[in-house]
Amino acid sequence: MTHLIIWRALLKGALRDRISIGWALAFPMLLIVGMRVAFGDALDAPRLLSGTVAFSTIFFAVHGTGFDILGQRLRGVYKLLRASPYSVSHFIIWLTLARGAITVVAALLVAAFGAGWLGLAITPGLLLGYGASAALGTLAFTTLGVIMGNLGNTEGQVSAWNNIVTFPLLFLTETFYSLADAPGWLQVLRDVLPFNHYLHLTLNLASGDLVAAQSPALVTLVYAIGFLLLAVLTFRWDPTQPLRLGWAEA
């Protein structure tokens, strides 16, 4: 019962983040419309749709969560939570589940809109694939957003960290274009970045290729575990507490 109360409270807090929700919905939809108008039938519609759905996920999960973590810490909310029996790891997990619910809904709305606009069939399998990939992706990228919120002491700092992390994830991977002919070092970097694996997971699940989805799903899960560990180790209850790796109670 206590867990459900905490989840509802965190969900309500995430729903108040209307700016991030708006960007997670509006920008991907506008991107799909613009790309369709500009390039017409020359588009690789499945890749564009998967890229925009993945972009929607990472925007709300990383950017929205980072600012949420900072805001709650500056308002002193975490000082109160520190007195509760909840550990840092439990709190971050429940925060991820709360924000993840919104992430999945946003991904499905973008997928349904994009499929209709691009002339793709809106099937239960398509929506199930995008929903499943978003559910796993939010585990990785929401915890990455927690890390960004932990690192910053002001909105400007959190914004800078978000941009430093998310721009390479989006533009040094195959989000909207292929890097098959790119230099070798860039392909190595592409294969290291977690977002590229998440993108392939999204593409494979949306197309119903469960076998091909296994490898990127495993890599995304490994990143999720690693980000969760770093999020716990860098978490700060108090805004005056300097960042020290390992300070927080796991």
Foldseek 3Di string as FASTA:
>chain_A
DVLVVLLVVLLVLLVVLVVLLCCLQPVLLVVLVVCCVVPPPVAPLLLSLLLSLLVSLLSCQAVVLLVSQLVCQVVLVLVVVVPDPDALLSSLVSSLVSSLVSSLVSSLNSNVSSCVVNVHDDDPQLSVQSSVLSSLLSLQNNLNNLLLNLVDLDSVSSVVVSCVQVVCLNPLECSRHDCPVPDPVSVVVRVPRLSNLSSQLSSCSSVVNVVSNPVSSVSSNVSSVVSSQQSQQQDDSHSVDDTDGNPGGD
